[in-house]
């Protein structure tokens, strides 16, 4: 990842370290950009940084509104500079990564489920939606539902999904009786 312009000795050493570790072009470009950003924040060469400088830079990234993913990507490049190129393990230890918060899946309320079932056009759609909601099936499991599952034998609503079978075993009698009352 060499360029035609003059490269500082520190950047050249970092490029050689990344090449020796067989980092891809995108990773190299990202690490160089991260270190350039860190140097611009410092206003001097990163090899003169202190632990307080690293801390202030991480706070600066937070205040600038960057996402957790981008902050972690930038700090990975800075950590590579400290740990590998400069062998400053004391500063590399100051770099921290954040975990992204887990997003909860969207779950329908019972009222929303009732409205959805009321809008179903025919019995087959109604039973499929009721079965999916009642059993907590995933969309892929609902798509693979098969008509003809009997209550006398073990219900097999979703091919190849044992957990779906267990979840449907408890809800199937209620849904079948509901379907009989609708059709009857």
Foldseek 3Di string as FASTA:
>chain_A
DDDPDDDDPLLVLLVVQCVVVVDDPVLNVLLVVLLVVLCVQVVHHPLPDDLVSLVVVLVVCVVVPDDLVSSQSSLVSVLCSCVPRVVPVVNNVSRDHDDDDDDDDDADDPVVLVVVLVPDDDLVRNLLSCLCNQLVHDPQLSVQADPDQDLVDQGDGGPPDPSSSVSNNVVVVVSVVVSVVVVD
